[in-house]
Amino acid sequence: MTFEDEAAIAWQAMPYRAPVVAADGTEIGTAESLLGDEEEDIFHGIAVKAKSGGHLEIPAAHVKKITERGVVTDLDAQGVAALEPYREEKWFHIGWGGLFRKHPEWKSGSGS
């Protein structure tokens, strides 16, 4: 599954739980959260529920294409194995439309 014949879409339009695949088309898992700043239109990556269990964070630099049916990365098996686990405490939730990285001066629950 490589989604070659599909048109690319904006990161904000990525479908919830879209399949996320490695460069060779093998499924890594499903997209669970967008990571970015919608207001500034900055895409940081995606949080993925891995087929192997747990959750991974795929940086935007490894996302080659987002379509209406899935996400293609440039990762090989070794690259997937090297991904960092997704840690929710690094992000503020702003709905499925995205999450954005905490600023160091912000504190959870501060209302900022």
PDB file of N, CA and C in Angstrom:
ATOM      1  N   MET A   1       0.858  -1.172   0.000  1.00  0.00           N
ATOM      2  CA  MET A   1       0.000   0.000   0.000  1.00  0.00           C
ATOM      3  C   MET A   1       0.906   1.237   0.000  1.00  0.00           C
ATOM      4  N   THR A   2       0.863   1.988  -1.105  1.00  0.00           N
ATOM      5  CA  THR A   2       1.727   3.163  -1.205  1.00  0.00           C
ATOM      6  C   THR A   2       0.976   4.443  -1.566  1.00  0.00           C
ATOM      7  N   PHE A   3      -0.305   4.330  -1.878  1.00  0.00           N
ATOM      8  CA  PHE A   3      -1.139   5.489  -2.190  1.00  0.00           C
ATOM      9  C   PHE A   3      -0.563   6.324  -3.335  1.00  0.00           C
ATOM     10  N   GLU A   4       0.169   5.669  -4.259  1.00  0.00           N
ATOM     11  CA  GLU A   4       0.836   6.369  -5.369  1.00  0.00           C
ATOM     12  C   GLU A   4      -0.119   7.155  -6.254  1.00  0.00           C
ATOM     13  N   ASP A   5      -1.292   6.594  -6.550  1.00  0.00           N
ATOM     14  CA  ASP A   5      -2.213   7.232  -7.486  1.00  0.00           C
ATOM     15  C   ASP A   5      -3.121   8.271  -6.841  1.00  0.00           C
ATOM     16  N   GLU A   6      -2.917   8.542  -5.571  1.00  0.00           N
ATOM     17  CA  GLU A   6      -3.782   9.486  -4.867  1.00  0.00           C
ATOM     18  C   GLU A   6      -3.135  10.856  -4.760  1.00  0.00           C
ATOM     19  N   ALA A   7      -3.976  11.866  -4.793  1.00  0.00           N
ATOM     20  CA  ALA A   7      -3.507  13.244  -4.650  1.00  0.00           C
ATOM     21  C   ALA A   7      -3.142  13.526  -3.195  1.00  0.00           C
ATOM     22  N   ALA A   8      -2.106  14.324  -3.018  1.00  0.00           N
ATOM     23  CA  ALA A   8      -1.706  14.748  -1.678  1.00  0.00           C
ATOM     24  C   ALA A   8      -2.716  15.764  -1.148  1.00  0.00           C
ATOM     25  N   ILE A   9      -2.918  15.742   0.173  1.00  0.00           N
ATOM     26  CA  ILE A   9      -3.800  16.702   0.835  1.00  0.00           C
ATOM     27  C   ILE A   9      -3.020  17.415   1.936  1.00  0.00           C
ATOM     28  N   ALA A  10      -3.580  18.487   2.453  1.00  0.00           N
ATOM     29  CA  ALA A  10      -2.944  19.246   3.541  1.00  0.00           C
ATOM     30  C   ALA A  10      -2.893  18.398   4.815  1.00  0.00           C
ATOM     31  N   TRP A  11      -1.901  18.653   5.631  1.00  0.00           N
ATOM     32  CA  TRP A  11      -1.740  17.864   6.854  1.00  0.00           C
ATOM     33  C   TRP A  11      -2.948  17.967   7.761  1.00  0.00           C
ATOM     34  N   GLN A  12      -3.609  19.143   7.791  1.00  0.00           N
ATOM     35  CA  GLN A  12      -4.780  19.320   8.657  1.00  0.00           C
ATOM     36  C   GLN A  12      -5.965  18.455   8.220  1.00  0.00           C
ATOM     37  N   ALA A  13      -5.962  17.987   6.973  1.00  0.00           N
ATOM     38  CA  ALA A  13      -7.062  17.184   6.435  1.00  0.00           C
ATOM     39  C   ALA A  13      -6.812  15.677   6.570  1.00  0.00           C
ATOM     40  N   MET A  14      -5.702  15.283   7.188  1.00  0.00           N
ATOM     41  CA  MET A  14      -5.404  13.859   7.333  1.00  0.00           C
ATOM     42  C   MET A  14      -6.544  13.152   8.058  1.00  0.00           C
ATOM     43  N   PRO A  15      -7.039  12.040   7.493  1.00  0.00           N
ATOM     44  CA  PRO A  15      -8.131  11.328   8.160  1.00  0.00           C
ATOM     45  C   PRO A  15      -7.684  10.687   9.475  1.00  0.00           C
ATOM     46  N   TYR A  16      -8.574  10.719  10.439  1.00  0.00           N
ATOM     47  CA  TYR A  16      -8.328  10.073  11.727  1.00  0.00           C
ATOM     48  C   TYR A  16      -8.184   8.571  11.506  1.00  0.00           C
ATOM     49  N   ARG A  17      -7.191   7.990  12.133  1.00  0.00           N
ATOM     50  CA  ARG A  17      -6.890   6.561  12.057  1.00  0.00           C
ATOM     51  C   ARG A  17      -6.565   6.084  10.644  1.00  0.00           C
ATOM     52  N   ALA A  18      -6.003   6.971   9.850  1.00  0.00           N
ATOM     53  CA  ALA A  18      -5.538   6.594   8.512  1.00  0.00           C
ATOM     54  C   ALA A  18      -4.355   5.641   8.649  1.00  0.00           C
ATOM     55  N   PRO A  19      -4.232   4.658   7.749  1.00  0.00           N
ATOM     56  CA  PRO A  19      -3.054   3.795   7.790  1.00  0.00           C
ATOM     57  C   PRO A  19      -1.788   4.607   7.500  1.00  0.00           C
ATOM     58  N   VAL A  20      -0.718   4.279   8.207  1.00  0.00           N
ATOM     59  CA  VAL A  20       0.579   4.916   8.015  1.00  0.00           C
ATOM     60  C   VAL A  20       1.532   3.817   7.557  1.00  0.00           C
ATOM     61  N   VAL A  21       2.191   4.048   6.410  1.00  0.00           N
ATOM     62  CA  VAL A  21       3.038   3.001   5.840  1.00  0.00           C
ATOM     63  C   VAL A  21       4.492   3.436   5.729  1.00  0.00           C
ATOM     64  N   ALA A  22       5.369   2.430   5.741  1.00  0.00           N
ATOM     65  CA  ALA A  22       6.797   2.637   5.531  1.00  0.00           C
ATOM     66  C   ALA A  22       7.045   2.849   4.035  1.00  0.00           C
ATOM     67  N   ALA A  23       8.269   3.162   3.674  1.00  0.00           N
ATOM     68  CA  ALA A  23       8.627   3.421   2.281  1.00  0.00           C
ATOM     69  C   ALA A  23       8.325   2.231   1.378  1.00  0.00           C
ATOM     70  N   ASP A  24       8.426   1.016   1.905  1.00  0.00           N
ATOM     71  CA  ASP A  24       8.166  -0.182   1.101  1.00  0.00           C
ATOM     72  C   ASP A  24       6.698  -0.580   1.077  1.00  0.00           C
ATOM     73  N   GLY A  25       5.823   0.206   1.715  1.00  0.00           N
ATOM     74  CA  GLY A  25       4.396  -0.051   1.701  1.00  0.00           C
ATOM     75  C   GLY A  25       3.882  -0.890   2.860  1.00  0.00           C
ATOM     76  N   THR A  26       4.772  -1.378   3.731  1.00  0.00           N
ATOM     77  CA  THR A  26       4.298  -2.144   4.885  1.00  0.00           C
ATOM     78  C   THR A  26       3.671  -1.195   5.902  1.00  0.00           C
ATOM     79  N   GLU A  27       2.601  -1.648   6.529  1.00  0.00           N
ATOM     80  CA  GLU A  27       1.885  -0.788   7.454  1.00  0.00           C
ATOM     81  C   GLU A  27       2.612  -0.669   8.790  1.00  0.00           C
ATOM     82  N   ILE A  28       2.855   0.565   9.203  1.00  0.00           N
ATOM     83  CA  ILE A  28       3.472   0.853  10.506  1.00  0.00           C
ATOM     84  C   ILE A  28       2.394   0.854  11.576  1.00  0.00           C
ATOM     85  N   GLY A  29       1.244   1.450  11.259  1.00  0.00           N
ATOM     86  CA  GLY A  29       0.148   1.554  12.218  1.00  0.00           C
ATOM     87  C   GLY A  29      -0.893   2.528  11.699  1.00  0.00           C
ATOM     88  N   THR A  30      -1.623   3.157  12.633  1.00  0.00           N
ATOM     89  CA  THR A  30      -2.668   4.110  12.254  1.00  0.00           C
ATOM     90  C   THR A  30      -2.426   5.461  12.917  1.00  0.00           C
ATOM     91  N   ALA A  31      -2.764   6.522  12.187  1.00  0.00           N
ATOM     92  CA  ALA A  31      -2.602   7.888  12.695  1.00  0.00           C
ATOM     93  C   ALA A  31      -3.610   8.133  13.806  1.00  0.00           C
ATOM     94  N   GLU A  32      -3.128   8.514  14.973  1.00  0.00           N
ATOM     95  CA  GLU A  32      -3.999   8.770  16.121  1.00  0.00           C
ATOM     96  C   GLU A  32      -4.101  10.250  16.449  1.00  0.00           C
ATOM     97  N   SER A  33      -3.042  11.019  16.178  1.00  0.00           N
ATOM     98  CA  SER A  33      -3.060  12.455  16.472  1.00  0.00           C
ATOM     99  C   SER A  33      -2.152  13.190  15.512  1.00  0.00           C
ATOM    100  N   LEU A  34      -2.596  14.368  15.093  1.00  0.00           N
ATOM    101  CA  LEU A  34      -1.742  15.276  14.348  1.00  0.00           C
ATOM    102  C   LEU A  34      -0.915  16.061  15.349  1.00  0.00           C
ATOM    103  N   LEU A  35       0.320  16.329  15.006  1.00  0.00           N
ATOM    104  CA  LEU A  35       1.200  17.103  15.870  1.00  0.00           C
ATOM    105  C   LEU A  35       1.623  18.345  15.089  1.00  0.00           C
ATOM    106  N   GLY A  36       1.138  19.488  15.531  1.00  0.00           N
ATOM    107  CA  GLY A  36       1.473  20.706  14.823  1.00  0.00           C
ATOM    108  C   GLY A  36       0.802  21.914  15.428  1.00  0.00           C
ATOM    109  N   ASP A  37       0.964  23.030  14.775  1.00  0.00           N
ATOM    110  CA  ASP A  37       0.365  24.290  15.196  1.00  0.00           C
ATOM    111  C   ASP A  37      -0.510  24.763  14.052  1.00  0.00           C
ATOM    112  N   GLU A  38      -1.815  24.578  14.198  1.00  0.00           N
ATOM    113  CA  GLU A  38      -2.750  24.951  13.128  1.00  0.00           C
ATOM    114  C   GLU A  38      -2.708  26.446  12.834  1.00  0.00           C
ATOM    115  N   GLU A  39      -2.617  27.253  13.879  1.00  0.00           N
ATOM    116  CA  GLU A  39      -2.638  28.705  13.705  1.00  0.00           C
ATOM    117  C   GLU A  39      -1.468  29.180  12.852  1.00  0.00           C
ATOM    118  N   GLU A  40      -0.298  28.595  13.057  1.00  0.00           N
ATOM    119  CA  GLU A  40       0.906  28.969  12.313  1.00  0.00           C
ATOM    120  C   GLU A  40       1.127  28.074  11.092  1.00  0.00           C
ATOM    121  N   ASP A  41       0.266  27.058  10.900  1.00  0.00           N
ATOM    122  CA  ASP A  41       0.371  26.086   9.818  1.00  0.00           C
ATOM    123  C   ASP A  41       1.753  25.416   9.817  1.00  0.00           C
ATOM    124  N   ILE A  42       2.126  24.934  10.998  1.00  0.00           N
ATOM    125  CA  ILE A  42       3.404  24.235  11.140  1.00  0.00           C
ATOM    126  C   ILE A  42       3.103  22.788  11.516  1.00  0.00           C
ATOM    127  N   PHE A  43       3.512  21.867  10.661  1.00  0.00           N
ATOM    128  CA  PHE A  43       3.290  20.440  10.857  1.00  0.00           C
ATOM    129  C   PHE A  43       4.536  19.844  11.506  1.00  0.00           C
ATOM    130  N   HIS A  44       4.369  19.255  12.698  1.00  0.00           N
ATOM    131  CA  HIS A  44       5.495  18.641  13.401  1.00  0.00           C
ATOM    132  C   HIS A  44       5.581  17.137  13.160  1.00  0.00           C
ATOM    133  N   GLY A  45       4.447  16.488  12.895  1.00  0.00           N
ATOM    134  CA  GLY A  45       4.454  15.052  12.673  1.00  0.00           C
ATOM    135  C   GLY A  45       3.134  14.426  13.097  1.00  0.00           C
ATOM    136  N   ILE A  46       3.176  13.110  13.324  1.00  0.00           N
ATOM    137  CA  ILE A  46       1.967  12.402  13.727  1.00  0.00           C
ATOM    138  C   ILE A  46       2.281  11.397  14.832  1.00  0.00           C
ATOM    139  N   ALA A  47       1.305  11.188  15.682  1.00  0.00           N
ATOM    140  CA  ALA A  47       1.369  10.123  16.678  1.00  0.00           C
ATOM    141  C   ALA A  47       0.660   8.922  16.060  1.00  0.00           C
ATOM    142  N   VAL A  48       1.317   7.776  16.108  1.00  0.00           N
ATOM    143  CA  VAL A  48       0.831   6.582  15.437  1.00  0.00           C
ATOM    144  C   VAL A  48       0.655   5.447  16.437  1.00  0.00           C
ATOM    145  N   LYS A  49      -0.493   4.785  16.362  1.00  0.00           N
ATOM    146  CA  LYS A  49      -0.695   3.551  17.120  1.00  0.00           C
ATOM    147  C   LYS A  49      -0.049   2.450  16.291  1.00  0.00           C
ATOM    148  N   ALA A  50       1.059   1.926  16.786  1.00  0.00           N
ATOM    149  CA  ALA A  50       1.864   0.968  16.022  1.00  0.00           C
ATOM    150  C   ALA A  50       1.217  -0.404  15.960  1.00  0.00           C
ATOM    151  N   LYS A  51       1.356  -1.058  14.816  1.00  0.00           N
ATOM    152  CA  LYS A  51       0.858  -2.428  14.671  1.00  0.00           C
ATOM    153  C   LYS A  51       1.570  -3.355  15.655  1.00  0.00           C
ATOM    154  N   SER A  52       2.809  -3.026  15.972  1.00  0.00           N
ATOM    155  CA  SER A  52       3.607  -3.850  16.878  1.00  0.00           C
ATOM    156  C   SER A  52       3.269  -3.594  18.344  1.00  0.00           C
ATOM    157  N   GLY A  53       2.377  -2.639  18.598  1.00  0.00           N
ATOM    158  CA  GLY A  53       2.003  -2.286  19.967  1.00  0.00           C
ATOM    159  C   GLY A  53       2.603  -0.956  20.371  1.00  0.00           C
ATOM    160  N   GLY A  54       1.933  -0.259  21.236  1.00  0.00           N
ATOM    161  CA  GLY A  54       2.404   1.040  21.706  1.00  0.00           C
ATOM    162  C   GLY A  54       2.125   2.146  20.700  1.00  0.00           C
ATOM    163  N   HIS A  55       2.681   3.309  20.999  1.00  0.00           N
ATOM    164  CA  HIS A  55       2.487   4.484  20.153  1.00  0.00           C
ATOM    165  C   HIS A  55       3.847   5.072  19.795  1.00  0.00           C
ATOM    166  N   LEU A  56       3.962   5.524  18.555  1.00  0.00           N
ATOM    167  CA  LEU A  56       5.208   6.109  18.045  1.00  0.00           C
ATOM    168  C   LEU A  56       4.955   7.529  17.579  1.00  0.00           C
ATOM    169  N   GLU A  57       6.009   8.323  17.567  1.00  0.00           N
ATOM    170  CA  GLU A  57       5.944   9.680  17.050  1.00  0.00           C
ATOM    171  C   GLU A  57       6.757   9.732  15.765  1.00  0.00           C
ATOM    172  N   ILE A  58       6.094  10.073  14.658  1.00  0.00           N
ATOM    173  CA  ILE A  58       6.791  10.180  13.379  1.00  0.00           C
ATOM    174  C   ILE A  58       6.956  11.659  13.049  1.00  0.00           C
ATOM    175  N   PRO A  59       8.202  12.154  13.033  1.00  0.00           N
ATOM    176  CA  PRO A  59       8.445  13.563  12.724  1.00  0.00           C
ATOM    177  C   PRO A  59       8.012  13.897  11.297  1.00  0.00           C
ATOM    178  N   ALA A  60       7.604  15.122  11.079  1.00  0.00           N
ATOM    179  CA  ALA A  60       7.147  15.585   9.766  1.00  0.00           C
ATOM    180  C   ALA A  60       8.197  15.341   8.680  1.00  0.00           C
ATOM    181  N   ALA A  61       9.465  15.410   9.015  1.00  0.00           N
ATOM    182  CA  ALA A  61      10.524  15.213   8.022  1.00  0.00           C
ATOM    183  C   ALA A  61      10.465  13.827   7.386  1.00  0.00           C
ATOM    184  N   HIS A  62       9.822  12.871   8.048  1.00  0.00           N
ATOM    185  CA  HIS A  62       9.720  11.511   7.502  1.00  0.00           C
ATOM    186  C   HIS A  62       8.390  11.244   6.810  1.00  0.00           C
ATOM    187  N   VAL A  63       7.497  12.224   6.784  1.00  0.00           N
ATOM    188  CA  VAL A  63       6.209  12.064   6.112  1.00  0.00           C
ATOM    189  C   VAL A  63       6.363  12.559   4.678  1.00  0.00           C
ATOM    190  N   LYS A  64       6.255  11.621   3.717  1.00  0.00           N
ATOM    191  CA  LYS A  64       6.418  11.971   2.304  1.00  0.00           C
ATOM    192  C   LYS A  64       5.120  12.452   1.676  1.00  0.00           C
ATOM    193  N   LYS A  65       3.999  11.839   2.075  1.00  0.00           N
ATOM    194  CA  LYS A  65       2.732  12.168   1.423  1.00  0.00           C
ATOM    195  C   LYS A  65       1.564  11.818   2.335  1.00  0.00           C
ATOM    196  N   ILE A  66       0.588  12.706   2.367  1.00  0.00           N
ATOM    197  CA  ILE A  66      -0.666  12.467   3.084  1.00  0.00           C
ATOM    198  C   ILE A  66      -1.772  12.482   2.040  1.00  0.00           C
ATOM    199  N   THR A  67      -2.609  11.439   2.046  1.00  0.00           N
ATOM    200  CA  THR A  67      -3.730  11.375   1.106  1.00  0.00           C
ATOM    201  C   THR A  67      -5.016  11.177   1.898  1.00  0.00           C
ATOM    202  N   GLU A  68      -6.125  11.101   1.206  1.00  0.00           N
ATOM    203  CA  GLU A  68      -7.409  10.877   1.873  1.00  0.00           C
ATOM    204  C   GLU A  68      -7.518   9.467   2.446  1.00  0.00           C
ATOM    205  N   ARG A  69      -6.637   8.565   2.016  1.00  0.00           N
ATOM    206  CA  ARG A  69      -6.712   7.178   2.483  1.00  0.00           C
ATOM    207  C   ARG A  69      -5.539   6.752   3.358  1.00  0.00           C
ATOM    208  N   GLY A  70      -4.461   7.540   3.412  1.00  0.00           N
ATOM    209  CA  GLY A  70      -3.337   7.116   4.224  1.00  0.00           C
ATOM    210  C   GLY A  70      -2.154   8.058   4.180  1.00  0.00           C
ATOM    211  N   VAL A  71      -1.093   7.634   4.876  1.00  0.00           N
ATOM    212  CA  VAL A  71       0.122   8.432   5.027  1.00  0.00           C
ATOM    213  C   VAL A  71       1.317   7.576   4.611  1.00  0.00           C
ATOM    214  N   VAL A  72       2.180   8.135   3.762  1.00  0.00           N
ATOM    215  CA  VAL A  72       3.380   7.447   3.307  1.00  0.00           C
ATOM    216  C   VAL A  72       4.589   8.109   3.952  1.00  0.00           C
ATOM    217  N   THR A  73       5.463   7.300   4.525  1.00  0.00           N
ATOM    218  CA  THR A  73       6.701   7.816   5.121  1.00  0.00           C
ATOM    219  C   THR A  73       7.899   7.377   4.280  1.00  0.00           C
ATOM    220  N   ASP A  74       9.066   7.927   4.594  1.00  0.00           N
ATOM    221  CA  ASP A  74      10.296   7.506   3.927  1.00  0.00           C
ATOM    222  C   ASP A  74      11.074   6.511   4.776  1.00  0.00           C
ATOM    223  N   LEU A  75      10.437   5.971   5.809  1.00  0.00           N
ATOM    224  CA  LEU A  75      11.111   5.101   6.762  1.00  0.00           C
ATOM    225  C   LEU A  75      11.244   3.671   6.250  1.00  0.00           C
ATOM    226  N   ASP A  76      12.398   3.064   6.527  1.00  0.00           N
ATOM    227  CA  ASP A  76      12.568   1.630   6.298  1.00  0.00           C
ATOM    228  C   ASP A  76      12.391   0.945   7.651  1.00  0.00           C
ATOM    229  N   ALA A  77      12.549  -0.367   7.702  1.00  0.00           N
ATOM    230  CA  ALA A  77      12.337  -1.111   8.955  1.00  0.00           C
ATOM    231  C   ALA A  77      13.242  -0.597  10.071  1.00  0.00           C
ATOM    232  N   GLN A  78      14.491  -0.287   9.738  1.00  0.00           N
ATOM    233  CA  GLN A  78      15.428   0.220  10.734  1.00  0.00           C
ATOM    234  C   GLN A  78      14.992   1.599  11.236  1.00  0.00           C
ATOM    235  N   GLY A  79      14.499   2.440  10.333  1.00  0.00           N
ATOM    236  CA  GLY A  79      14.007   3.769  10.717  1.00  0.00           C
ATOM    237  C   GLY A  79      12.796   3.688  11.618  1.00  0.00           C
ATOM    238  N   VAL A  80      11.897   2.751  11.334  1.00  0.00           N
ATOM    239  CA  VAL A  80      10.713   2.564  12.182  1.00  0.00           C
ATOM    240  C   VAL A  80      11.136   2.121  13.571  1.00  0.00           C
ATOM    241  N   ALA A  81      12.085   1.176  13.634  1.00  0.00           N
ATOM    242  CA  ALA A  81      12.563   0.668  14.921  1.00  0.00           C
ATOM    243  C   ALA A  81      13.232   1.763  15.758  1.00  0.00           C
ATOM    244  N   ALA A  82      13.780   2.778  15.090  1.00  0.00           N
ATOM    245  CA  ALA A  82      14.486   3.855  15.790  1.00  0.00           C
ATOM    246  C   ALA A  82      13.567   5.002  16.230  1.00  0.00           C
ATOM    247  N   LEU A  83      12.280   4.947  15.867  1.00  0.00           N
ATOM    248  CA  LEU A  83      11.367   6.030  16.241  1.00  0.00           C
ATOM    249  C   LEU A  83      11.194   6.127  17.752  1.00  0.00           C
ATOM    250  N   GLU A  84      11.004   7.358  18.208  1.00  0.00           N
ATOM    251  CA  GLU A  84      10.750   7.612  19.625  1.00  0.00           C
ATOM    252  C   GLU A  84       9.320   7.209  19.968  1.00  0.00           C
ATOM    253  N   PRO A  85       9.102   6.707  21.173  1.00  0.00           N
ATOM    254  CA  PRO A  85       7.717   6.469  21.587  1.00  0.00           C
ATOM    255  C   PRO A  85       6.991   7.808  21.724  1.00  0.00           C
ATOM    256  N   TYR A  86       5.707   7.799  21.399  1.00  0.00           N
ATOM    257  CA  TYR A  86       4.900   9.003  21.559  1.00  0.00           C
ATOM    258  C   TYR A  86       4.670   9.238  23.044  1.00  0.00           C
ATOM    259  N   ARG A  87       4.948  10.466  23.495  1.00  0.00           N
ATOM    260  CA  ARG A  87       4.720  10.848  24.892  1.00  0.00           C
ATOM    261  C   ARG A  87       3.756  12.021  24.917  1.00  0.00           C
ATOM    262  N   GLU A  88       2.547  11.738  25.358  1.00  0.00           N
ATOM    263  CA  GLU A  88       1.488  12.740  25.324  1.00  0.00           C
ATOM    264  C   GLU A  88       1.819  13.983  26.133  1.00  0.00           C
ATOM    265  N   GLU A  89       2.596  13.853  27.187  1.00  0.00           N
ATOM    266  CA  GLU A  89       2.864  15.014  28.033  1.00  0.00           C
ATOM    267  C   GLU A  89       3.652  16.105  27.311  1.00  0.00           C
ATOM    268  N   LYS A  90       4.219  15.813  26.136  1.00  0.00           N
ATOM    269  CA  LYS A  90       4.941  16.824  25.368  1.00  0.00           C
ATOM    270  C   LYS A  90       4.011  17.727  24.570  1.00  0.00           C
ATOM    271  N   TRP A  91       2.725  17.414  24.526  1.00  0.00           N
ATOM    272  CA  TRP A  91       1.812  18.087  23.615  1.00  0.00           C
ATOM    273  C   TRP A  91       0.570  18.591  24.344  1.00  0.00           C
ATOM    274  N   PHE A  92       0.028  19.722  23.897  1.00  0.00           N
ATOM    275  CA  PHE A  92      -1.275  20.211  24.328  1.00  0.00           C
ATOM    276  C   PHE A  92      -2.295  19.769  23.283  1.00  0.00           C
ATOM    277  N   HIS A  93      -3.434  19.273  23.714  1.00  0.00           N
ATOM    278  CA  HIS A  93      -4.465  18.831  22.776  1.00  0.00           C
ATOM    279  C   HIS A  93      -5.294  20.007  22.291  1.00  0.00           C
ATOM    280  N   ILE A  94      -5.558  20.015  20.987  1.00  0.00           N
ATOM    281  CA  ILE A  94      -6.472  21.005  20.425  1.00  0.00           C
ATOM    282  C   ILE A  94      -7.469  20.299  19.505  1.00  0.00           C
ATOM    283  N   GLY A  95      -7.828  19.058  19.855  1.00  0.00           N
ATOM    284  CA  GLY A  95      -8.786  18.290  19.061  1.00  0.00           C
ATOM    285  C   GLY A  95      -8.084  17.474  18.004  1.00  0.00           C
ATOM    286  N   TRP A  96      -8.866  16.722  17.189  1.00  0.00           N
ATOM    287  CA  TRP A  96      -8.238  15.899  16.148  1.00  0.00           C
ATOM    288  C   TRP A  96      -7.485  16.774  15.168  1.00  0.00           C
ATOM    289  N   GLY A  97      -7.908  18.004  14.977  1.00  0.00           N
ATOM    290  CA  GLY A  97      -7.239  18.887  14.037  1.00  0.00           C
ATOM    291  C   GLY A  97      -5.778  19.084  14.335  1.00  0.00           C
ATOM    292  N   GLY A  98      -5.327  18.762  15.522  1.00  0.00           N
ATOM    293  CA  GLY A  98      -3.905  18.877  15.786  1.00  0.00           C
ATOM    294  C   GLY A  98      -3.555  18.981  17.248  1.00  0.00           C
ATOM    295  N   LEU A  99      -2.302  18.856  17.488  1.00  0.00           N
ATOM    296  CA  LEU A  99      -1.695  19.041  18.800  1.00  0.00           C
ATOM    297  C   LEU A  99      -0.511  19.952  18.557  1.00  0.00           C
ATOM    298  N   PHE A 100      -0.094  20.662  19.559  1.00  0.00           N
ATOM    299  CA  PHE A 100       1.117  21.435  19.344  1.00  0.00           C
ATOM    300  C   PHE A 100       2.048  21.318  20.534  1.00  0.00           C
ATOM    301  N   ARG A 101       3.318  21.461  20.224  1.00  0.00           N
ATOM    302  CA  ARG A 101       4.357  21.286  21.221  1.00  0.00           C
ATOM    303  C   ARG A 101       4.247  22.355  22.295  1.00  0.00           C
ATOM    304  N   LYS A 102       4.432  21.924  23.540  1.00  0.00           N
ATOM    305  CA  LYS A 102       4.402  22.868  24.662  1.00  0.00           C
ATOM    306  C   LYS A 102       5.559  23.847  24.547  1.00  0.00           C
ATOM    307  N   HIS A 103       5.284  25.062  24.887  1.00  0.00           N
ATOM    308  CA  HIS A 103       6.353  26.035  25.024  1.00  0.00           C
ATOM    309  C   HIS A 103       6.922  25.877  26.429  1.00  0.00           C
ATOM    310  N   PRO A 104       8.226  26.004  26.601  1.00  0.00           N
ATOM    311  CA  PRO A 104       8.830  25.755  27.916  1.00  0.00           C
ATOM    312  C   PRO A 104       8.235  26.567  29.047  1.00  0.00           C
ATOM    313  N   GLU A 105       7.753  27.780  28.747  1.00  0.00           N
ATOM    314  CA  GLU A 105       7.233  28.630  29.811  1.00  0.00           C
ATOM    315  C   GLU A 105       5.795  28.289  30.193  1.00  0.00           C
ATOM    316  N   TRP A 106       5.120  27.444  29.405  1.00  0.00           N
ATOM    317  CA  TRP A 106       3.755  27.077  29.705  1.00  0.00           C
ATOM    318  C   TRP A 106       3.706  25.947  30.719  1.00  0.00           C
ATOM    319  N   LYS A 107       2.673  25.942  31.518  1.00  0.00           N
ATOM    320  CA  LYS A 107       2.480  24.880  32.493  1.00  0.00           C
ATOM    321  C   LYS A 107       1.128  24.250  32.229  1.00  0.00           C
ATOM    322  N   SER A 108       1.037  22.935  32.318  1.00  0.00           N
ATOM    323  CA  SER A 108      -0.247  22.256  32.120  1.00  0.00           C
ATOM    324  C   SER A 108      -1.256  22.805  33.105  1.00  0.00           C
ATOM    325  N   GLY A 109      -2.466  23.039  32.616  1.00  0.00           N
ATOM    326  CA  GLY A 109      -3.525  23.535  33.472  1.00  0.00           C
ATOM    327  C   GLY A 109      -3.462  25.023  33.748  1.00  0.00           C
ATOM    328  N   SER A 110      -2.514  25.715  33.123  1.00  0.00           N
ATOM    329  CA  SER A 110      -2.380  27.143  33.391  1.00  0.00           C
ATOM    330  C   SER A 110      -3.400  27.966  32.628  1.00  0.00           C
ATOM    331  N   GLY A 111      -4.109  27.292  31.658  1.00  0.00           N
ATOM    332  CA  GLY A 111      -5.085  28.028  30.863  1.00  0.00           C
ATOM    333  C   GLY A 111      -4.452  28.766  29.696  1.00  0.00           C
ATOM    334  N   SER A 112      -3.139  28.685  29.549  1.00  0.00           N
ATOM    335  CA  SER A 112      -2.467  29.349  28.432  1.00  0.00           C
ATOM    336  C   SER A 112      -2.504  28.502  27.205  1.00  0.00           C
TER     337      SER A 112
END
